[in-house]
Amino acid sequence: MTHAWLYDGESALRRSVTLGAREGALEIAGEDGSARVSPADLVFIESRPGETIYGRKDKPGWRLGVAAPIPGGIAALLPQAERYGGWIDRVGLWRATAIGLAVSAAVLFAVYQLPHWLAPLVPDRVMKAYGNAMVGDFGGKFCAGPGGQQALDALTRRLAPGIEGLNIRVVDLPVVNAAALPGDNIVIFDELLKEAKSPEEFAGVLAHEIAHIEHRDVAEAMVRELGLGLVLTTLGGDVAGNVHGLLSLSYSRDAEAAADAEAIAMMNRARISPAPTAGFFERLAKSEDAIGRADMLVYLSSHPVSKGRAAAFRKGAVEDNDYTPALSRDEWDALVDICHNDPDRRD
């Protein structure tokens, strides 16, 4: 037993009572008799110096003040003070923190993976519509110098003999870049061909872009940059409004690494050494620091070149593979000069 005071919620009279624990309930005894209250009906109100105040869920004005210290048998029937509120007090702070961190990690993982999960939902006709709009946006800048497109197509067939429908064109623009576009389109910018010292160096870049097409990375990047809803709703509408943004699509680090791995495998299957591509990447990275070159090396803004990436291509060369030239000398010259030799080129 212990002493307490009670407001019954019906009058302003404060009564002195005694408390006891009986058959799992709190027994309150006073001058007017006794009553039992289920612990489930009690709520903690506040702690004051020397006493703790409780209320009843079903009686708004009901208050019970219990003097400290509260005997253990009675304290076990009274609700505990809420330190943090709600479920945190029920499970404990450390367990709640662990649950919160786990939920946050799961949400971040889901947000990161969401474009990967949604990319397969983008219909091919939508990708084609974007691709056609983007290819059309280049207008008359596609190059058609003698033998150049034939050399590019021959190299493409050698690298990806099982992939049909690829549309790979060289664009007469003074930037060092290559980009995989929606609808199985790839554009190679003229300046990139001039930066490459051999067809083997260029073959690694081309294989990398083909791998992005093969892995549907373009659709994933579109969902990441534009959102699935915008990708789908702009079909038939302002597709061109997104074309400029799509040219600078960037892929996740995992997608870039997977495209590099597939490019190296592609080159080895085609008996083209991937090692020269490493030198191309390293040379581009050094050129980035040169005054006046940064604006032209757009490739580095969407394809960050790291030492690890160059090393992967160098190590990707198989020692006993019977490598052969990616293109003949004449084919390579025709490809490099595809824009310069274009009879319709306007300087």
Protein backbone atom coordinates (compact mmCIF):
# COMPACT_ATOMS: atom_id res chain seq x y z
CA MET A 1 0.00 0.00 0.00
CA THR A 2 1.03 3.60 -0.57
CA HIS A 3 -0.59 7.00 -0.20
CA ALA A 4 -1.86 9.10 -3.07
CA TRP A 5 -4.33 11.83 -3.95
CA LEU A 6 -7.19 11.64 -6.44
CA TYR A 7 -9.38 13.94 -8.55
CA ASP A 8 -12.28 11.82 -9.79
CA GLY A 9 -12.96 13.97 -12.86
CA GLU A 10 -16.45 14.84 -11.69
CA SER A 11 -15.79 17.30 -8.85
CA ALA A 12 -13.02 19.73 -7.88
CA LEU A 13 -12.52 17.91 -4.57
CA ARG A 14 -9.10 16.42 -4.00
CA ARG A 15 -9.29 13.21 -2.01
CA SER A 16 -6.64 11.31 -0.08
CA VAL A 17 -6.54 7.66 -1.07
CA THR A 18 -4.38 4.59 -0.65
CA LEU A 19 -3.20 2.37 -3.49
CA GLY A 20 -2.72 -1.34 -3.62
CA ALA A 21 -2.14 -4.02 -6.22
CA ARG A 22 -4.86 -6.67 -6.42
CA GLU A 23 -5.39 -9.34 -9.07
CA GLY A 24 -3.50 -7.45 -11.75
CA ALA A 25 -5.36 -4.19 -11.17
CA LEU A 26 -4.73 -1.01 -9.23
CA GLU A 27 -7.02 -0.80 -6.22
CA ILE A 28 -7.82 2.74 -5.06
CA ALA A 29 -9.37 3.01 -1.57
CA GLY A 30 -10.80 6.15 0.06
CA GLU A 31 -13.53 7.38 2.38
CA ASP A 32 -16.20 6.55 -0.19
CA GLY A 33 -15.06 3.01 -0.76
CA SER A 34 -12.68 1.37 -3.19
CA ALA A 35 -12.44 0.80 -6.92
CA ARG A 36 -10.18 -1.11 -9.24
CA VAL A 37 -8.59 0.40 -12.35
CA SER A 38 -7.06 -1.65 -15.10
CA PRO A 39 -3.45 -0.67 -15.91
CA ALA A 40 -4.50 -0.54 -19.58
CA ASP A 41 -6.77 2.44 -18.78
CA LEU A 42 -4.01 4.51 -17.18
CA VAL A 43 -1.75 7.02 -18.90
CA PHE A 44 1.34 8.78 -17.65
CA ILE A 45 0.80 12.56 -17.33
CA GLU A 46 3.93 14.07 -15.77
CA SER A 47 6.58 13.79 -13.07
CA ARG A 48 6.78 16.44 -10.33
CA PRO A 49 9.22 16.73 -7.45
CA GLY A 50 8.26 13.95 -5.03
CA GLU A 51 5.29 12.59 -7.00
CA THR A 52 4.09 11.29 -10.36
CA ILE A 53 0.75 12.15 -11.98
CA TYR A 54 -1.41 9.68 -13.94
CA GLY A 55 -4.70 10.01 -15.80
CA ARG A 56 -7.37 7.73 -17.28
CA LYS A 57 -8.03 7.33 -20.97
CA ASP A 58 -11.80 7.23 -20.44
CA LYS A 59 -12.04 10.14 -17.93
CA PRO A 60 -10.42 13.39 -19.09
CA GLY A 61 -10.35 15.13 -15.68
CA TRP A 62 -9.33 12.10 -13.66
CA ARG A 63 -5.93 12.57 -11.98
CA LEU A 64 -4.01 10.36 -9.58
CA GLY A 65 -0.93 11.70 -7.78
CA VAL A 66 1.36 9.02 -6.36
CA ALA A 67 4.09 10.00 -3.90
CA ALA A 68 7.61 8.74 -4.45
CA PRO A 69 9.01 6.22 -3.92
CA ILE A 70 6.35 3.97 -5.43
CA PRO A 71 6.42 0.37 -4.16
CA GLY A 72 7.51 -2.12 -6.78
CA GLY A 73 4.24 -4.05 -6.91
CA ILE A 74 2.25 -0.87 -7.61
CA ALA A 75 4.87 0.67 -9.90
CA ALA A 76 4.59 -2.43 -12.10
CA LEU A 77 0.92 -1.56 -12.76
CA LEU A 78 1.56 2.09 -13.64
CA PRO A 79 2.54 3.30 -17.14
CA GLN A 80 6.09 4.48 -17.65
CA ALA A 81 7.02 7.98 -18.69
CA GLU A 82 7.55 8.45 -22.42
CA ARG A 83 11.11 9.68 -23.02
CA TYR A 84 11.03 9.77 -26.81
CA GLY A 85 7.39 9.03 -27.59
CA GLY A 86 5.38 6.27 -29.20
CA TRP A 87 7.07 3.13 -30.47
CA ILE A 88 10.59 4.31 -29.58
CA ASP A 89 9.82 3.94 -25.88
CA ARG A 90 8.29 0.51 -26.52
CA VAL A 91 11.31 -0.93 -28.35
CA GLY A 92 14.09 1.12 -26.75
CA LEU A 93 16.27 3.89 -28.14
CA TRP A 94 19.14 1.73 -29.47
CA ARG A 95 16.83 -0.76 -31.14
CA ALA A 96 14.79 2.11 -32.62
CA THR A 97 18.01 3.70 -33.91
CA ALA A 98 19.06 0.43 -35.54
CA ILE A 99 15.61 0.07 -37.14
CA GLY A 100 15.75 3.66 -38.37
CA LEU A 101 19.19 3.15 -39.94
CA ALA A 102 18.07 -0.08 -41.57
CA VAL A 103 14.95 1.58 -43.02
CA SER A 104 17.00 4.57 -44.26
CA ALA A 105 19.51 2.24 -45.93
CA ALA A 106 16.67 0.29 -47.55
CA VAL A 107 15.06 3.50 -48.86
CA LEU A 108 18.36 4.80 -50.25
CA PHE A 109 19.03 1.44 -51.91
CA ALA A 110 15.55 1.43 -53.43
CA VAL A 111 15.93 5.02 -54.72
CA TYR A 112 19.34 4.12 -56.21
CA GLN A 113 18.01 0.94 -57.83
CA LEU A 114 14.65 2.37 -58.94
CA PRO A 115 15.83 3.51 -62.42
CA HIS A 116 17.35 0.04 -62.96
CA TRP A 117 14.04 -1.60 -62.06
CA LEU A 118 11.94 0.82 -64.14
CA ALA A 119 14.13 0.89 -67.27
CA PRO A 120 12.64 -2.36 -68.70
CA LEU A 121 9.20 -0.72 -68.49
CA VAL A 122 10.12 1.92 -71.09
CA PRO A 123 8.70 0.56 -74.39
CA ASP A 124 10.98 0.25 -77.40
CA ARG A 125 8.66 2.56 -79.37
CA VAL A 126 9.34 5.30 -76.82
CA MET A 127 13.08 4.78 -77.14
CA LYS A 128 12.75 4.85 -80.93
CA ALA A 129 10.78 8.10 -80.77
CA TYR A 130 13.49 9.74 -78.67
CA GLY A 131 16.20 8.30 -80.87
CA ASN A 132 14.58 9.55 -84.07
CA ALA A 133 14.15 13.02 -82.58
CA MET A 134 17.77 13.15 -81.49
CA VAL A 135 19.18 11.80 -84.73
CA GLY A 136 17.03 14.28 -86.64
CA ASP A 137 18.32 17.06 -84.43
CA PHE A 138 21.79 16.61 -85.92
CA GLY A 139 20.38 17.47 -89.34
CA GLY A 140 23.01 17.60 -92.03
CA LYS A 141 25.95 17.19 -89.70
CA PHE A 142 26.32 13.46 -90.30
CA CYS A 143 29.48 12.79 -92.29
CA ALA A 144 29.57 10.68 -95.45
CA GLY A 145 33.13 10.77 -96.73
CA PRO A 146 33.98 7.88 -99.11
CA GLY A 147 34.60 4.59 -97.34
CA GLY A 148 34.20 6.02 -93.83
CA GLN A 149 30.76 4.64 -92.98
CA GLN A 150 31.69 1.29 -94.51
CA ALA A 151 34.75 1.11 -92.24
CA LEU A 152 32.66 2.04 -89.20
CA ASP A 153 30.03 -0.55 -90.04
CA ALA A 154 32.70 -3.21 -90.57
CA LEU A 155 34.25 -2.49 -87.17
CA THR A 156 30.78 -2.54 -85.55
CA ARG A 157 29.94 -5.93 -87.09
CA ARG A 158 33.25 -7.30 -85.86
CA LEU A 159 32.75 -6.06 -82.32
CA ALA A 160 29.06 -6.91 -82.01
CA PRO A 161 28.13 -9.55 -84.60
CA GLY A 162 25.05 -10.58 -82.64
CA ILE A 163 23.49 -7.15 -82.21
CA GLU A 164 21.24 -6.03 -85.05
CA GLY A 165 19.74 -2.64 -85.77
CA LEU A 166 22.58 -0.47 -84.48
CA ASN A 167 22.71 2.93 -86.15
CA ILE A 168 26.18 4.39 -85.63
CA ARG A 169 27.07 7.67 -87.31
CA VAL A 170 29.89 10.20 -87.21
CA VAL A 171 28.88 13.80 -86.52
CA ASP A 172 30.86 16.79 -87.71
CA LEU A 173 31.18 18.64 -84.40
CA PRO A 174 34.47 19.77 -82.82
CA VAL A 175 34.13 17.90 -79.53
CA VAL A 176 35.84 14.76 -78.27
CA ASN A 177 32.90 12.59 -77.36
CA ALA A 178 30.80 9.58 -78.21
CA ALA A 179 27.30 8.86 -76.94
CA ALA A 180 24.84 6.01 -76.91
CA LEU A 181 21.37 7.39 -77.64
CA PRO A 182 17.86 5.95 -77.36
CA GLY A 183 16.65 3.65 -80.10
CA ASP A 184 19.99 1.82 -80.61
CA ASN A 185 21.69 4.94 -81.95
CA ILE A 186 25.31 5.88 -81.29
CA VAL A 187 26.96 9.11 -82.39
CA ILE A 188 30.72 9.54 -82.71
CA PHE A 189 31.93 13.10 -82.79
CA ASP A 190 34.52 13.84 -85.43
CA GLU A 191 37.11 15.22 -83.02
CA LEU A 192 37.23 11.92 -81.12
CA LEU A 193 38.39 10.11 -84.27
CA LYS A 194 41.18 12.67 -84.67
CA GLU A 195 42.28 12.18 -81.06
CA ALA A 196 42.56 8.41 -81.49
CA LYS A 197 45.98 7.31 -82.76
CA SER A 198 44.86 3.92 -84.02
CA PRO A 199 41.67 1.99 -84.84
CA GLU A 200 42.33 -0.16 -81.76
CA GLU A 201 42.13 2.91 -79.50
CA PHE A 202 38.84 3.91 -81.09
CA ALA A 203 37.48 0.36 -81.01
CA GLY A 204 37.51 0.39 -77.20
CA VAL A 205 35.40 3.56 -77.12
CA LEU A 206 32.98 2.18 -79.69
CA ALA A 207 32.67 -1.14 -77.86
CA HIS A 208 31.95 0.73 -74.62
CA GLU A 209 29.03 2.60 -76.22
CA ILE A 210 27.70 -0.60 -77.80
CA ALA A 211 27.77 -2.20 -74.36
CA HIS A 212 25.60 0.65 -73.00
CA ILE A 213 23.05 -0.14 -75.73
CA GLU A 214 23.25 -3.87 -75.02
CA HIS A 215 22.71 -3.32 -71.27
CA ARG A 216 19.79 -0.86 -71.77
CA ASP A 217 21.77 1.72 -69.79
CA VAL A 218 20.32 4.50 -71.95
CA ALA A 219 16.77 3.80 -70.77
CA GLU A 220 17.98 3.59 -67.17
CA ALA A 221 19.81 6.91 -67.45
CA MET A 222 16.74 8.53 -69.01
CA VAL A 223 14.56 7.38 -66.11
CA ARG A 224 17.18 8.59 -63.63
CA GLU A 225 17.55 12.02 -65.25
CA LEU A 226 13.98 12.68 -66.40
CA GLY A 227 11.80 10.32 -64.39
CA LEU A 228 9.67 7.54 -65.85
CA GLY A 229 6.57 9.73 -66.04
CA LEU A 230 8.27 12.47 -68.03
CA VAL A 231 9.94 9.94 -70.33
CA LEU A 232 6.56 8.43 -71.20
CA THR A 233 4.39 11.55 -71.27
CA THR A 234 6.66 13.52 -73.60
CA LEU A 235 6.28 10.84 -76.24
CA GLY A 236 4.46 12.53 -79.08
CA GLY A 237 4.86 15.88 -77.40
CA ASP A 238 7.90 17.96 -76.68
CA VAL A 239 10.41 15.17 -77.18
CA ALA A 240 12.91 17.59 -78.62
CA GLY A 241 12.79 19.54 -75.38
CA ASN A 242 14.69 16.71 -73.72
CA VAL A 243 17.11 15.98 -76.55
CA HIS A 244 19.82 18.35 -75.38
CA GLY A 245 19.72 16.90 -71.87
CA LEU A 246 19.91 13.35 -73.20
CA LEU A 247 23.18 14.07 -74.98
CA SER A 248 24.81 14.54 -71.59
CA LEU A 249 23.30 11.46 -69.98
CA SER A 250 25.57 9.98 -67.39
CA TYR A 251 25.52 6.43 -66.15
CA SER A 252 26.06 5.00 -62.73
CA ARG A 253 29.54 3.88 -61.74
CA ASP A 254 28.37 0.26 -61.85
CA ALA A 255 26.96 0.73 -65.37
CA GLU A 256 30.22 2.29 -66.57
CA ALA A 257 32.28 -0.52 -65.06
CA ALA A 258 29.98 -3.15 -66.59
CA ALA A 259 30.20 -1.43 -70.00
CA ASP A 260 34.00 -1.42 -69.77
CA ALA A 261 34.06 -5.10 -68.83
CA GLU A 262 31.77 -5.99 -71.73
CA ALA A 263 33.82 -3.79 -74.11
CA ILE A 264 37.01 -5.63 -73.15
CA ALA A 265 35.28 -8.99 -73.64
CA MET A 266 33.85 -7.80 -76.95
CA MET A 267 37.31 -6.77 -78.18
CA ASN A 268 38.91 -10.03 -77.13
CA ARG A 269 36.20 -12.00 -78.92
CA ALA A 270 36.87 -9.88 -82.02
CA ARG A 271 40.63 -10.42 -81.60
CA ILE A 272 41.23 -6.69 -81.16
CA SER A 273 43.60 -5.82 -78.33
CA PRO A 274 42.00 -3.64 -75.62
CA ALA A 275 45.40 -2.41 -74.40
CA PRO A 276 45.70 0.59 -76.79
CA THR A 277 42.42 2.01 -75.46
CA ALA A 278 44.13 2.48 -72.08
CA GLY A 279 46.64 4.82 -73.70
CA PHE A 280 43.79 6.76 -75.31
CA PHE A 281 42.10 7.30 -71.95
CA GLU A 282 45.35 8.35 -70.27
CA ARG A 283 46.14 10.79 -73.05
CA LEU A 284 42.67 12.35 -72.83
CA ALA A 285 42.99 12.78 -69.07
CA LYS A 286 46.32 14.57 -69.46
CA SER A 287 44.92 16.75 -72.24
CA GLU A 288 42.11 17.88 -69.98
CA ASP A 289 44.56 20.00 -68.02
CA ALA A 290 45.87 21.71 -71.12
CA ILE A 291 44.73 25.28 -71.54
CA GLY A 292 41.95 25.62 -74.06
CA ARG A 293 41.22 21.88 -74.36
CA ALA A 294 38.70 21.44 -71.57
CA ASP A 295 35.70 22.57 -73.61
CA MET A 296 36.51 20.06 -76.34
CA LEU A 297 36.98 17.06 -74.08
CA VAL A 298 33.30 16.55 -73.43
CA TYR A 299 33.97 12.81 -73.28
CA LEU A 300 35.51 13.23 -69.86
CA SER A 301 32.42 14.93 -68.47
CA SER A 302 30.24 11.89 -69.14
CA HIS A 303 32.92 9.19 -69.10
CA PRO A 304 35.28 9.97 -66.19
CA VAL A 305 38.66 8.40 -66.92
CA SER A 306 40.34 6.92 -63.89
CA LYS A 307 43.64 5.12 -63.56
CA GLY A 308 41.69 2.02 -62.67
CA ARG A 309 39.65 2.24 -65.84
CA ALA A 310 42.72 2.57 -68.06
CA ALA A 311 44.41 -0.22 -66.14
CA ALA A 312 41.41 -2.50 -66.70
CA PHE A 313 41.74 -2.13 -70.46
CA ARG A 314 45.50 -2.68 -70.31
CA LYS A 315 45.12 -5.78 -68.15
CA GLY A 316 42.24 -6.95 -70.34
CA ALA A 317 44.64 -7.88 -73.10
CA VAL A 318 45.06 -11.66 -73.20
CA GLU A 319 48.68 -12.69 -73.63
CA ASP A 320 48.17 -15.58 -76.06
CA ASN A 321 45.31 -14.02 -78.04
CA ASP A 322 46.12 -13.74 -81.74
CA TYR A 323 45.17 -10.09 -82.11
CA THR A 324 44.75 -8.55 -85.54
CA PRO A 325 44.37 -4.90 -86.60
CA ALA A 326 40.90 -3.50 -85.98
CA LEU A 327 40.84 -1.96 -89.46
CA SER A 328 43.18 -1.84 -92.39
CA ARG A 329 45.22 1.31 -92.89
CA ASP A 330 42.97 2.45 -95.73
CA GLU A 331 39.80 1.77 -93.74
CA TRP A 332 41.11 3.72 -90.76
CA ASP A 333 42.14 6.67 -92.91
CA ALA A 334 38.70 6.71 -94.55
CA LEU A 335 37.01 6.68 -91.14
CA VAL A 336 39.20 9.42 -89.65
CA ASP A 337 38.60 11.62 -92.70
CA ILE A 338 34.90 10.78 -93.03
CA CYS A 339 33.92 14.39 -92.34
CA HIS A 340 36.86 16.06 -94.06
CA ASN A 341 36.21 14.10 -97.26
CA ASP A 342 32.44 14.54 -97.17
CA PRO A 343 31.54 16.07 -100.56
CA ASP A 344 28.60 17.89 -98.97
CA ARG A 345 30.61 19.37 -96.13
CA ARG A 346 30.19 23.10 -95.68
CA ASP A 347 33.17 24.79 -93.99
